[in-house]
């Protein structure tokens, strides 16, 4: 029975602190991974917000084509006048 108690004390004095140190060493990188994941998510949300504005590119393209055609007609008219 005495050996049993000595074994329990050794377990509590040696094994448990070693396990706690190892868990602490694992927990630090896990916490950093969580922080980095949050930063990546914030960046993704920012990119998604920027992509929402791409819908305005098609009307802008069409307007630029119309303006380009008008500029061409204006240039042709100037050639006739001059």
PDB file of N, CA and C in Angstrom:
ATOM      1  N   UNK A   1       0.816  -1.193   0.000  1.00  0.00           N
ATOM      2  CA  UNK A   1       0.000   0.000   0.000  1.00  0.00           C
ATOM      3  C   UNK A   1       0.863   1.261   0.000  1.00  0.00           C
ATOM      4  N   UNK A   2       2.001   1.179   0.662  1.00  0.00           N
ATOM      5  CA  UNK A   2       2.906   2.329   0.707  1.00  0.00           C
ATOM      6  C   UNK A   2       3.452   2.626  -0.682  1.00  0.00           C
ATOM      7  N   UNK A   3       3.774   1.578  -1.437  1.00  0.00           N
ATOM      8  CA  UNK A   3       4.252   1.777  -2.800  1.00  0.00           C
ATOM      9  C   UNK A   3       3.179   2.430  -3.672  1.00  0.00           C
ATOM     10  N   UNK A   4       1.935   2.079  -3.396  1.00  0.00           N
ATOM     11  CA  UNK A   4       0.822   2.680  -4.128  1.00  0.00           C
ATOM     12  C   UNK A   4       0.792   4.190  -3.919  1.00  0.00           C
ATOM     13  N   UNK A   5       0.950   4.627  -2.683  1.00  0.00           N
ATOM     14  CA  UNK A   5       0.947   6.057  -2.371  1.00  0.00           C
ATOM     15  C   UNK A   5       2.180   6.764  -2.941  1.00  0.00           C
ATOM     16  N   UNK A   6       3.301   6.094  -2.925  1.00  0.00           N
ATOM     17  CA  UNK A   6       4.511   6.667  -3.510  1.00  0.00           C
ATOM     18  C   UNK A   6       4.325   6.831  -5.027  1.00  0.00           C
ATOM     19  N   UNK A   7       3.732   5.850  -5.652  1.00  0.00           N
ATOM     20  CA  UNK A   7       3.447   5.931  -7.087  1.00  0.00           C
ATOM     21  C   UNK A   7       2.488   7.061  -7.400  1.00  0.00           C
ATOM     22  N   UNK A   8       1.467   7.225  -6.557  1.00  0.00           N
ATOM     23  CA  UNK A   8       0.510   8.326  -6.760  1.00  0.00           C
ATOM     24  C   UNK A   8       1.192   9.683  -6.610  1.00  0.00           C
ATOM     25  N   UNK A   9       2.063   9.819  -5.624  1.00  0.00           N
ATOM     26  CA  UNK A   9       2.777  11.079  -5.417  1.00  0.00           C
ATOM     27  C   UNK A   9       3.718  11.372  -6.582  1.00  0.00           C
ATOM     28  N   UNK A  10       4.406  10.337  -7.071  1.00  0.00           N
ATOM     29  CA  UNK A  10       5.270  10.527  -8.235  1.00  0.00           C
ATOM     30  C   UNK A  10       4.446  10.932  -9.462  1.00  0.00           C
ATOM     31  N   UNK A  11       3.301  10.307  -9.606  1.00  0.00           N
ATOM     32  CA  UNK A  11       2.406  10.645 -10.720  1.00  0.00           C
ATOM     33  C   UNK A  11       1.993  12.111 -10.630  1.00  0.00           C
ATOM     34  N   UNK A  12       1.550  12.533  -9.459  1.00  0.00           N
ATOM     35  CA  UNK A  12       1.120  13.916  -9.279  1.00  0.00           C
ATOM     36  C   UNK A  12       2.285  14.898  -9.365  1.00  0.00           C
ATOM     37  N   UNK A  13       3.438  14.494  -8.923  1.00  0.00           N
ATOM     38  CA  UNK A  13       4.585  15.397  -8.898  1.00  0.00           C
ATOM     39  C   UNK A  13       5.351  15.480 -10.194  1.00  0.00           C
ATOM     40  N   UNK A  14       5.291  14.424 -11.027  1.00  0.00           N
ATOM     41  CA  UNK A  14       6.099  14.404 -12.240  1.00  0.00           C
ATOM     42  C   UNK A  14       5.230  14.403 -13.505  1.00  0.00           C
ATOM     43  N   UNK A  15       4.329  13.480 -13.600  1.00  0.00           N
ATOM     44  CA  UNK A  15       3.571  13.292 -14.839  1.00  0.00           C
ATOM     45  C   UNK A  15       2.600  14.445 -15.082  1.00  0.00           C
ATOM     46  N   UNK A  16       1.861  14.829 -14.066  1.00  0.00           N
ATOM     47  CA  UNK A  16       0.864  15.882 -14.253  1.00  0.00           C
ATOM     48  C   UNK A  16       1.518  17.208 -14.666  1.00  0.00           C
ATOM     49  N   UNK A  17       2.599  17.677 -14.024  1.00  0.00           N
ATOM     50  CA  UNK A  17       3.223  18.925 -14.492  1.00  0.00           C
ATOM     51  C   UNK A  17       3.779  18.828 -15.916  1.00  0.00           C
ATOM     52  N   UNK A  18       4.330  17.677 -16.266  1.00  0.00           N
ATOM     53  CA  UNK A  18       4.843  17.510 -17.634  1.00  0.00           C
ATOM     54  C   UNK A  18       3.706  17.609 -18.635  1.00  0.00           C
ATOM     55  N   UNK A  19       2.589  16.983 -18.340  1.00  0.00           N
ATOM     56  CA  UNK A  19       1.433  17.043 -19.236  1.00  0.00           C
ATOM     57  C   UNK A  19       0.919  18.475 -19.332  1.00  0.00           C
ATOM     58  N   UNK A  20       0.886  19.196 -18.226  1.00  0.00           N
ATOM     59  CA  UNK A  20       0.424  20.583 -18.251  1.00  0.00           C
ATOM     60  C   UNK A  20       1.361  21.472 -19.070  1.00  0.00           C
ATOM     61  N   UNK A  21       2.654  21.258 -18.963  1.00  0.00           N
ATOM     62  CA  UNK A  21       3.613  22.032 -19.762  1.00  0.00           C
ATOM     63  C   UNK A  21       3.409  21.732 -21.242  1.00  0.00           C
ATOM     64  N   UNK A  22       3.240  20.476 -21.591  1.00  0.00           N
ATOM     65  CA  UNK A  22       3.029  20.113 -22.992  1.00  0.00           C
ATOM     66  C   UNK A  22       1.727  20.699 -23.535  1.00  0.00           C
ATOM     67  N   UNK A  23       0.679  20.672 -22.728  1.00  0.00           N
ATOM     68  CA  UNK A  23      -0.589  21.262 -23.157  1.00  0.00           C
ATOM     69  C   UNK A  23      -0.452  22.771 -23.358  1.00  0.00           C
ATOM     70  N   UNK A  24       0.306  23.412 -22.488  1.00  0.00           N
ATOM     71  CA  UNK A  24       0.533  24.844 -22.631  1.00  0.00           C
ATOM     72  C   UNK A  24       1.300  25.140 -23.918  1.00  0.00           C
ATOM     73  N   UNK A  25       2.285  24.314 -24.234  1.00  0.00           N
ATOM     74  CA  UNK A  25       3.057  24.500 -25.467  1.00  0.00           C
ATOM     75  C   UNK A  25       2.204  24.272 -26.707  1.00  0.00           C
ATOM     76  N   UNK A  26       1.212  23.431 -26.628  1.00  0.00           N
ATOM     77  CA  UNK A  26       0.321  23.193 -27.758  1.00  0.00           C
ATOM     78  C   UNK A  26      -0.724  24.299 -27.847  1.00  0.00           C
ATOM     79  N   UNK A  27      -1.156  24.819 -26.708  1.00  0.00           N
ATOM     80  CA  UNK A  27      -2.233  25.805 -26.692  1.00  0.00           C
ATOM     81  C   UNK A  27      -1.811  27.135 -27.326  1.00  0.00           C
ATOM     82  N   UNK A  28      -0.551  27.536 -27.143  1.00  0.00           N
ATOM     83  CA  UNK A  28      -0.087  28.813 -27.700  1.00  0.00           C
ATOM     84  C   UNK A  28      -0.218  28.852 -29.222  1.00  0.00           C
ATOM     85  N   UNK A  29       0.281  27.863 -29.959  1.00  0.00           N
ATOM     86  CA  UNK A  29       0.098  27.906 -31.424  1.00  0.00           C
ATOM     87  C   UNK A  29      -1.365  27.803 -31.844  1.00  0.00           C
ATOM     88  N   UNK A  30      -2.157  27.060 -31.092  1.00  0.00           N
ATOM     89  CA  UNK A  30      -3.576  26.950 -31.431  1.00  0.00           C
ATOM     90  C   UNK A  30      -4.246  28.312 -31.308  1.00  0.00           C
ATOM     91  N   UNK A  31      -3.911  29.064 -30.276  1.00  0.00           N
ATOM     92  CA  UNK A  31      -4.477  30.395 -30.106  1.00  0.00           C
ATOM     93  C   UNK A  31      -4.019  31.324 -31.230  1.00  0.00           C
ATOM     94  N   UNK A  32      -2.765  31.206 -31.637  1.00  0.00           N
ATOM     95  CA  UNK A  32      -2.262  32.029 -32.738  1.00  0.00           C
ATOM     96  C   UNK A  32      -2.950  31.669 -34.048  1.00  0.00           C
ATOM     97  N   UNK A  33      -3.222  30.397 -34.251  1.00  0.00           N
ATOM     98  CA  UNK A  33      -3.930  29.965 -35.455  1.00  0.00           C
ATOM     99  C   UNK A  33      -5.320  30.595 -35.476  1.00  0.00           C
ATOM    100  N   UNK A  34      -5.969  30.639 -34.326  1.00  0.00           N
ATOM    101  CA  UNK A  34      -7.289  31.268 -34.252  1.00  0.00           C
ATOM    102  C   UNK A  34      -7.237  32.741 -34.606  1.00  0.00           C
ATOM    103  N   UNK A  35      -6.213  33.446 -34.137  1.00  0.00           N
ATOM    104  CA  UNK A  35      -6.073  34.865 -34.447  1.00  0.00           C
ATOM    105  C   UNK A  35      -5.812  35.069 -35.943  1.00  0.00           C
ATOM    106  N   UNK A  36      -4.960  34.236 -36.508  1.00  0.00           N
ATOM    107  CA  UNK A  36      -4.671  34.349 -37.935  1.00  0.00           C
ATOM    108  C   UNK A  36      -5.908  34.018 -38.767  1.00  0.00           C
ATOM    109  N   UNK A  37      -6.681  33.047 -38.326  1.00  0.00           N
ATOM    110  CA  UNK A  37      -7.916  32.708 -39.045  1.00  0.00           C
ATOM    111  C   UNK A  37      -8.886  33.881 -39.017  1.00  0.00           C
ATOM    112  N   UNK A  38      -8.962  34.584 -37.903  1.00  0.00           N
ATOM    113  CA  UNK A  38      -9.818  35.763 -37.819  1.00  0.00           C
ATOM    114  C   UNK A  38      -9.341  36.857 -38.776  1.00  0.00           C
ATOM    115  N   UNK A  39      -8.027  37.041 -38.879  1.00  0.00           N
ATOM    116  CA  UNK A  39      -7.489  38.039 -39.804  1.00  0.00           C
ATOM    117  C   UNK A  39      -7.785  37.663 -41.256  1.00  0.00           C
ATOM    118  N   UNK A  40      -7.655  36.379 -41.575  1.00  0.00           N
ATOM    119  CA  UNK A  40      -7.954  35.918 -42.929  1.00  0.00           C
ATOM    120  C   UNK A  40      -9.430  36.129 -43.250  1.00  0.00           C
ATOM    121  N   UNK A  41     -10.287  35.855 -42.284  1.00  0.00           N
ATOM    122  CA  UNK A  41     -11.721  36.062 -42.479  1.00  0.00           C
ATOM    123  C   UNK A  41     -12.019  37.534 -42.722  1.00  0.00           C
ATOM    124  N   UNK A  42     -11.395  38.421 -41.962  1.00  0.00           N
ATOM    125  CA  UNK A  42     -11.611  39.856 -42.151  1.00  0.00           C
ATOM    126  C   UNK A  42     -11.157  40.287 -43.548  1.00  0.00           C
ATOM    127  N   UNK A  43     -10.032  39.752 -44.011  1.00  0.00           N
ATOM    128  CA  UNK A  43      -9.571  40.061 -45.356  1.00  0.00           C
ATOM    129  C   UNK A  43     -10.522  39.537 -46.418  1.00  0.00           C
ATOM    130  N   UNK A  44     -11.055  38.357 -46.206  1.00  0.00           N
ATOM    131  CA  UNK A  44     -12.010  37.786 -47.149  1.00  0.00           C
ATOM    132  C   UNK A  44     -13.286  38.603 -47.227  1.00  0.00           C
ATOM    133  N   UNK A  45     -13.741  39.094 -46.095  1.00  0.00           N
ATOM    134  CA  UNK A  45     -14.940  39.939 -46.081  1.00  0.00           C
ATOM    135  C   UNK A  45     -14.676  41.231 -46.836  1.00  0.00           C
ATOM    136  N   UNK A  46     -13.493  41.792 -46.673  1.00  0.00           N
ATOM    137  CA  UNK A  46     -13.130  43.015 -47.390  1.00  0.00           C
ATOM    138  C   UNK A  46     -13.112  42.764 -48.895  1.00  0.00           C
ATOM    139  N   UNK A  47     -12.527  41.646 -49.301  1.00  0.00           N
ATOM    140  CA  UNK A  47     -12.477  41.313 -50.729  1.00  0.00           C
ATOM    141  C   UNK A  47     -13.885  41.098 -51.274  1.00  0.00           C
ATOM    142  N   UNK A  48     -14.729  40.429 -50.513  1.00  0.00           N
ATOM    143  CA  UNK A  48     -16.107  40.196 -50.961  1.00  0.00           C
ATOM    144  C   UNK A  48     -16.842  41.517 -51.131  1.00  0.00           C
ATOM    145  N   UNK A  49     -16.607  42.461 -50.225  1.00  0.00           N
ATOM    146  CA  UNK A  49     -17.247  43.771 -50.348  1.00  0.00           C
ATOM    147  C   UNK A  49     -16.766  44.483 -51.606  1.00  0.00           C
ATOM    148  N   UNK A  50     -15.498  44.335 -51.946  1.00  0.00           N
ATOM    149  CA  UNK A  50     -14.970  44.955 -53.157  1.00  0.00           C
ATOM    150  C   UNK A  50     -15.555  44.297 -54.407  1.00  0.00           C
ATOM    151  N   UNK A  51     -15.785  42.992 -54.351  1.00  0.00           N
ATOM    152  CA  UNK A  51     -16.345  42.287 -55.508  1.00  0.00           C
ATOM    153  C   UNK A  51     -17.789  42.675 -55.767  1.00  0.00           C
ATOM    154  N   UNK A  52     -18.494  43.130 -54.742  1.00  0.00           N
ATOM    155  CA  UNK A  52     -19.874  43.564 -54.932  1.00  0.00           C
ATOM    156  C   UNK A  52     -19.947  44.770 -55.865  1.00  0.00           C
ATOM    157  N   UNK A  53     -18.899  45.565 -55.897  1.00  0.00           N
ATOM    158  CA  UNK A  53     -18.899  46.752 -56.744  1.00  0.00           C
ATOM    159  C   UNK A  53     -18.624  46.432 -58.206  1.00  0.00           C
ATOM    160  N   UNK A  54     -18.247  45.194 -58.524  1.00  0.00           N
ATOM    161  CA  UNK A  54     -17.958  44.834 -59.909  1.00  0.00           C
ATOM    162  C   UNK A  54     -19.198  44.857 -60.794  1.00  0.00           C
ATOM    163  N   UNK A  55     -20.370  44.816 -60.182  1.00  0.00           N
ATOM    164  CA  UNK A  55     -21.599  44.872 -60.973  1.00  0.00           C
ATOM    165  C   UNK A  55     -21.737  46.172 -61.741  1.00  0.00           C
ATOM    166  N   UNK A  56     -21.085  47.222 -61.293  1.00  0.00           N
ATOM    167  CA  UNK A  56     -21.151  48.499 -61.982  1.00  0.00           C
ATOM    168  C   UNK A  56     -20.224  48.593 -63.179  1.00  0.00           C
ATOM    169  N   UNK A  57     -19.408  47.588 -63.417  1.00  0.00           N
ATOM    170  CA  UNK A  57     -18.475  47.648 -64.536  1.00  0.00           C
ATOM    171  C   UNK A  57     -19.156  47.510 -65.897  1.00  0.00           C
ATOM    172  N   UNK A  58     -20.198  46.722 -65.975  1.00  0.00           N
ATOM    173  CA  UNK A  58     -20.866  46.503 -67.263  1.00  0.00           C
ATOM    174  C   UNK A  58     -21.550  47.779 -67.743  1.00  0.00           C
ATOM    175  N   UNK A  59     -22.343  48.461 -66.901  1.00  0.00           N
ATOM    176  CA  UNK A  59     -22.911  49.737 -67.371  1.00  0.00           C
ATOM    177  C   UNK A  59     -21.826  50.767 -67.692  1.00  0.00           C
ATOM    178  N   UNK A  60     -20.741  50.760 -66.949  1.00  0.00           N
ATOM    179  CA  UNK A  60     -19.653  51.691 -67.221  1.00  0.00           C
ATOM    180  C   UNK A  60     -19.021  51.378 -68.576  1.00  0.00           C
ATOM    181  N   UNK A  61     -18.825  50.099 -68.866  1.00  0.00           N
ATOM    182  CA  UNK A  61     -18.259  49.703 -70.165  1.00  0.00           C
ATOM    183  C   UNK A  61     -19.155  50.164 -71.307  1.00  0.00           C
ATOM    184  N   UNK A  62     -20.467  49.961 -71.148  1.00  0.00           N
ATOM    185  CA  UNK A  62     -21.399  50.369 -72.196  1.00  0.00           C
ATOM    186  C   UNK A  62     -21.391  51.888 -72.381  1.00  0.00           C
ATOM    187  N   UNK A  63     -21.326  52.623 -71.286  1.00  0.00           N
ATOM    188  CA  UNK A  63     -21.281  54.082 -71.378  1.00  0.00           C
ATOM    189  C   UNK A  63     -20.009  54.542 -72.069  1.00  0.00           C
ATOM    190  N   UNK A  64     -18.895  53.914 -71.787  1.00  0.00           N
ATOM    191  CA  UNK A  64     -17.632  54.287 -72.429  1.00  0.00           C
ATOM    192  C   UNK A  64     -17.689  53.999 -73.922  1.00  0.00           C
ATOM    193  N   UNK A  65     -18.321  52.919 -74.317  1.00  0.00           N
ATOM    194  CA  UNK A  65     -18.465  52.620 -75.751  1.00  0.00           C
ATOM    195  C   UNK A  65     -19.304  53.694 -76.445  1.00  0.00           C
ATOM    196  N   UNK A  66     -20.393  54.114 -75.783  1.00  0.00           N
ATOM    197  CA  UNK A  66     -21.241  55.161 -76.375  1.00  0.00           C
ATOM    198  C   UNK A  66     -20.473  56.472 -76.470  1.00  0.00           C
ATOM    199  N   UNK A  67     -19.729  56.793 -75.435  1.00  0.00           N
ATOM    200  CA  UNK A  67     -18.948  58.036 -75.444  1.00  0.00           C
ATOM    201  C   UNK A  67     -17.882  57.963 -76.528  1.00  0.00           C
ATOM    202  N   UNK A  68     -17.243  56.804 -76.662  1.00  0.00           N
ATOM    203  CA  UNK A  68     -16.229  56.647 -77.714  1.00  0.00           C
ATOM    204  C   UNK A  68     -16.822  56.830 -79.098  1.00  0.00           C
ATOM    205  N   UNK A  69     -18.024  56.294 -79.305  1.00  0.00           N
ATOM    206  CA  UNK A  69     -18.679  56.459 -80.604  1.00  0.00           C
ATOM    207  C   UNK A  69     -19.004  57.926 -80.831  1.00  0.00           C
ATOM    208  N   UNK A  70     -19.455  58.614 -79.784  1.00  0.00           N
ATOM    209  CA  UNK A  70     -19.759  60.045 -79.908  1.00  0.00           C
ATOM    210  C   UNK A  70     -18.517  60.859 -80.204  1.00  0.00           C
ATOM    211  N   UNK A  71     -17.415  60.520 -79.578  1.00  0.00           N
ATOM    212  CA  UNK A  71     -16.157  61.230 -79.835  1.00  0.00           C
ATOM    213  C   UNK A  71     -15.720  61.003 -81.277  1.00  0.00           C
ATOM    214  N   UNK A  72     -15.914  59.796 -81.770  1.00  0.00           N
ATOM    215  CA  UNK A  72     -15.575  59.513 -83.170  1.00  0.00           C
ATOM    216  C   UNK A  72     -16.422  60.333 -84.127  1.00  0.00           C
ATOM    217  N   UNK A  73     -17.702  60.425 -83.852  1.00  0.00           N
ATOM    218  CA  UNK A  73     -18.593  61.229 -84.696  1.00  0.00           C
ATOM    219  C   UNK A  73     -18.211  62.705 -84.626  1.00  0.00           C
ATOM    220  N   UNK A  74     -17.842  63.164 -83.428  1.00  0.00           N
ATOM    221  CA  UNK A  74     -17.428  64.553 -83.261  1.00  0.00           C
ATOM    222  C   UNK A  74     -16.159  64.831 -84.056  1.00  0.00           C
ATOM    223  N   UNK A  75     -15.222  63.902 -84.001  1.00  0.00           N
ATOM    224  CA  UNK A  75     -13.996  64.074 -84.774  1.00  0.00           C
ATOM    225  C   UNK A  75     -14.261  64.092 -86.263  1.00  0.00           C
ATOM    226  N   UNK A  76     -15.172  63.235 -86.740  1.00  0.00           N
ATOM    227  CA  UNK A  76     -15.526  63.221 -88.166  1.00  0.00           C
ATOM    228  C   UNK A  76     -16.176  64.540 -88.578  1.00  0.00           C
ATOM    229  N   UNK A  77     -17.020  65.089 -87.686  1.00  0.00           N
ATOM    230  CA  UNK A  77     -17.670  66.363 -87.978  1.00  0.00           C
ATOM    231  C   UNK A  77     -16.641  67.475 -88.031  1.00  0.00           C
ATOM    232  N   UNK A  78     -15.654  67.447 -87.148  1.00  0.00           N
ATOM    233  CA  UNK A  78     -14.606  68.471 -87.169  1.00  0.00           C
ATOM    234  C   UNK A  78     -13.784  68.385 -88.444  1.00  0.00           C
ATOM    235  N   UNK A  79     -13.548  67.151 -88.916  1.00  0.00           N
ATOM    236  CA  UNK A  79     -12.800  66.996 -90.174  1.00  0.00           C
ATOM    237  C   UNK A  79     -13.557  67.631 -91.333  1.00  0.00           C
ATOM    238  N   UNK A  80     -14.867  67.519 -91.344  1.00  0.00           N
ATOM    239  CA  UNK A  80     -15.678  68.109 -92.432  1.00  0.00           C
ATOM    240  C   UNK A  80     -15.634  69.619 -92.342  1.00  0.00           C
ATOM    241  N   UNK A  81     -15.679  70.153 -91.113  1.00  0.00           N
ATOM    242  CA  UNK A  81     -15.703  71.602 -90.948  1.00  0.00           C
ATOM    243  C   UNK A  81     -14.355  72.205 -91.308  1.00  0.00           C
ATOM    244  N   UNK A  82     -13.290  71.576 -90.857  1.00  0.00           N
ATOM    245  CA  UNK A  82     -11.945  72.132 -91.092  1.00  0.00           C
ATOM    246  C   UNK A  82     -11.447  71.642 -92.414  1.00  0.00           C
TER     247      UNK A  82
END
